[in-house]
Amino acid sequence: MQALQDKAPEAFIEISKADALAYNIQNGDAIEARSRRGYVVAPAKITDIRQGFLFIPFHYGYWDDNSHPRAANEVTREDWDPVSKQPHYKLSAVCIRKM
């Protein structure tokens, strides 16, 4: 969708000010978010997001750029809720590091 592309042409990893300070991360630094399933590498975007949480937009994938892992679902779980049958694509525990 062009509106999403215009607003944020590249993937990013949103991180809190406190977490960025703890990891010595500046706006725009390349950071890696890694789970047991995979990883994403993207520039840091420091915001007022809740400390201890990250946000990676889901509208980036590999259909237009496969030069580096940037799809949020690389780090999310593959299992399903037993009642609703919805996949757990919205959350995952990750470790982060500055590249």
C-alpha atoms as a PDB file:
ATOM      1  CA  MET A   1       0.000   0.000   0.000  1.00  0.00           C
ATOM      2  CA  GLN A   2       1.485   3.322  -1.057  1.00  0.00           C
ATOM      3  CA  ALA A   3       0.350   5.207   2.066  1.00  0.00           C
ATOM      4  CA  LEU A   4       2.342   2.821   4.297  1.00  0.00           C
ATOM      5  CA  GLN A   5       5.330   2.989   1.979  1.00  0.00           C
ATOM      6  CA  ASP A   6       5.268   6.800   2.034  1.00  0.00           C
ATOM      7  CA  LYS A   7       5.010   6.973   5.833  1.00  0.00           C
ATOM      8  CA  ALA A   8       7.750   4.420   6.550  1.00  0.00           C
ATOM      9  CA  PRO A   9       9.695   3.283   3.479  1.00  0.00           C
ATOM     10  CA  GLU A  10      12.007   1.032   5.499  1.00  0.00           C
ATOM     11  CA  ALA A  11      11.520  -1.394   8.366  1.00  0.00           C
ATOM     12  CA  PHE A  12      12.459  -0.190  11.853  1.00  0.00           C
ATOM     13  CA  ILE A  13      12.597  -1.509  15.385  1.00  0.00           C
ATOM     14  CA  GLU A  14      10.882   0.781  17.871  1.00  0.00           C
ATOM     15  CA  ILE A  15      12.582   0.778  21.276  1.00  0.00           C
ATOM     16  CA  SER A  16      12.034   2.752  24.485  1.00  0.00           C
ATOM     17  CA  LYS A  17      14.338   5.542  25.591  1.00  0.00           C
ATOM     18  CA  ALA A  18      15.320   3.582  28.706  1.00  0.00           C
ATOM     19  CA  ASP A  19      16.116   0.400  26.777  1.00  0.00           C
ATOM     20  CA  ALA A  20      18.053   2.347  24.152  1.00  0.00           C
ATOM     21  CA  LEU A  21      20.113   3.951  26.910  1.00  0.00           C
ATOM     22  CA  ALA A  22      20.769   0.563  28.552  1.00  0.00           C
ATOM     23  CA  TYR A  23      21.985  -0.908  25.243  1.00  0.00           C
ATOM     24  CA  ASN A  24      23.828   2.259  24.136  1.00  0.00           C
ATOM     25  CA  ILE A  25      21.582   2.541  21.073  1.00  0.00           C
ATOM     26  CA  GLN A  26      21.021   5.794  19.178  1.00  0.00           C
ATOM     27  CA  ASN A  27      18.240   6.602  16.703  1.00  0.00           C
ATOM     28  CA  GLY A  28      19.107   4.978  13.386  1.00  0.00           C
ATOM     29  CA  ASP A  29      21.624   2.467  14.774  1.00  0.00           C
ATOM     30  CA  ALA A  30      21.259  -0.964  13.234  1.00  0.00           C
ATOM     31  CA  ILE A  31      19.957  -3.389  15.824  1.00  0.00           C
ATOM     32  CA  GLU A  32      19.092  -7.058  15.743  1.00  0.00           C
ATOM     33  CA  ALA A  33      16.026  -8.568  17.408  1.00  0.00           C
ATOM     34  CA  ARG A  34      16.485 -12.347  17.665  1.00  0.00           C
ATOM     35  CA  SER A  35      14.146 -15.070  18.868  1.00  0.00           C
ATOM     36  CA  ARG A  36      14.456 -18.858  18.783  1.00  0.00           C
ATOM     37  CA  ARG A  37      12.777 -18.766  15.370  1.00  0.00           C
ATOM     38  CA  GLY A  38      14.831 -16.128  13.566  1.00  0.00           C
ATOM     39  CA  TYR A  39      15.920 -12.516  13.553  1.00  0.00           C
ATOM     40  CA  VAL A  40      15.302  -9.073  12.109  1.00  0.00           C
ATOM     41  CA  VAL A  41      17.886  -6.351  11.503  1.00  0.00           C
ATOM     42  CA  ALA A  42      16.628  -2.777  11.182  1.00  0.00           C
ATOM     43  CA  PRO A  43      17.385   0.771  12.330  1.00  0.00           C
ATOM     44  CA  ALA A  44      16.396   1.751  15.845  1.00  0.00           C
ATOM     45  CA  LYS A  45      13.537   4.193  16.303  1.00  0.00           C
ATOM     46  CA  ILE A  46      13.584   5.530  19.869  1.00  0.00           C
ATOM     47  CA  THR A  47      10.120   6.465  21.150  1.00  0.00           C
ATOM     48  CA  ASP A  48       7.958   6.477  24.264  1.00  0.00           C
ATOM     49  CA  ILE A  49       7.056   2.799  23.771  1.00  0.00           C
ATOM     50  CA  ARG A  50       6.768   0.852  27.027  1.00  0.00           C
ATOM     51  CA  GLN A  51      10.128  -0.194  28.472  1.00  0.00           C
ATOM     52  CA  GLY A  52      10.910  -3.850  27.824  1.00  0.00           C
ATOM     53  CA  PHE A  53       8.867  -3.952  24.614  1.00  0.00           C
ATOM     54  CA  LEU A  54       9.809  -3.561  20.955  1.00  0.00           C
ATOM     55  CA  PHE A  55       7.624  -2.892  17.960  1.00  0.00           C
ATOM     56  CA  ILE A  56       8.426  -4.028  14.431  1.00  0.00           C
ATOM     57  CA  PRO A  57       5.905  -3.134  11.717  1.00  0.00           C
ATOM     58  CA  PHE A  58       4.425  -6.115   9.929  1.00  0.00           C
ATOM     59  CA  HIS A  59       4.116  -4.676   6.419  1.00  0.00           C
ATOM     60  CA  TYR A  60       7.725  -5.388   5.399  1.00  0.00           C
ATOM     61  CA  GLY A  61       8.671  -8.648   3.760  1.00  0.00           C
ATOM     62  CA  TYR A  62      10.872 -10.133   1.108  1.00  0.00           C
ATOM     63  CA  TRP A  63       8.821  -9.601  -2.037  1.00  0.00           C
ATOM     64  CA  ASP A  64      10.562  -6.283  -2.708  1.00  0.00           C
ATOM     65  CA  ASP A  65      13.892  -6.534  -0.849  1.00  0.00           C
ATOM     66  CA  ASN A  66      15.591  -9.728   0.276  1.00  0.00           C
ATOM     67  CA  SER A  67      18.942  -8.117   1.135  1.00  0.00           C
ATOM     68  CA  HIS A  68      18.435  -8.595   4.891  1.00  0.00           C
ATOM     69  CA  PRO A  69      15.867 -10.101   7.290  1.00  0.00           C
ATOM     70  CA  ARG A  70      13.242  -7.425   7.911  1.00  0.00           C
ATOM     71  CA  ALA A  71       9.954  -9.323   8.127  1.00  0.00           C
ATOM     72  CA  ALA A  72       8.557  -9.174  11.672  1.00  0.00           C
ATOM     73  CA  ASN A  73       7.217 -12.719  11.358  1.00  0.00           C
ATOM     74  CA  GLU A  74      10.814 -13.991  11.269  1.00  0.00           C
ATOM     75  CA  VAL A  75      10.811 -13.718  15.071  1.00  0.00           C
ATOM     76  CA  THR A  76       7.219 -14.627  15.966  1.00  0.00           C
ATOM     77  CA  ARG A  77       5.871 -17.965  17.089  1.00  0.00           C
ATOM     78  CA  GLU A  78       4.330 -20.448  14.664  1.00  0.00           C
ATOM     79  CA  ASP A  79       1.705 -22.002  16.942  1.00  0.00           C
ATOM     80  CA  TRP A  80      -2.031 -21.335  17.111  1.00  0.00           C
ATOM     81  CA  ASP A  81      -4.493 -20.392  19.818  1.00  0.00           C
ATOM     82  CA  PRO A  82      -6.384 -23.633  20.609  1.00  0.00           C
ATOM     83  CA  VAL A  83      -9.778 -21.900  20.830  1.00  0.00           C
ATOM     84  CA  SER A  84      -9.762 -19.218  18.146  1.00  0.00           C
ATOM     85  CA  LYS A  85      -7.268 -20.971  15.836  1.00  0.00           C
ATOM     86  CA  GLN A  86      -5.554 -17.610  15.317  1.00  0.00           C
ATOM     87  CA  PRO A  87      -1.763 -17.684  14.893  1.00  0.00           C
ATOM     88  CA  HIS A  88       0.409 -15.965  17.498  1.00  0.00           C
ATOM     89  CA  TYR A  89       1.949 -13.586  14.962  1.00  0.00           C
ATOM     90  CA  LYS A  90       1.797 -10.539  17.194  1.00  0.00           C
ATOM     91  CA  LEU A  91       4.313 -11.333  19.930  1.00  0.00           C
ATOM     92  CA  SER A  92       7.532 -13.101  20.729  1.00  0.00           C
ATOM     93  CA  ALA A  93      10.294 -12.950  23.295  1.00  0.00           C
ATOM     94  CA  VAL A  94      13.486 -11.586  21.709  1.00  0.00           C
ATOM     95  CA  CYS A  95      17.011 -10.601  22.604  1.00  0.00           C
ATOM     96  CA  ILE A  96      18.404  -7.418  21.120  1.00  0.00           C
ATOM     97  CA  ARG A  97      21.876  -6.208  20.288  1.00  0.00           C
ATOM     98  CA  LYS A  98      23.430  -3.257  18.561  1.00  0.00           C
ATOM     99  CA  MET A  99      25.105  -4.260  15.310  1.00  0.00           C
END
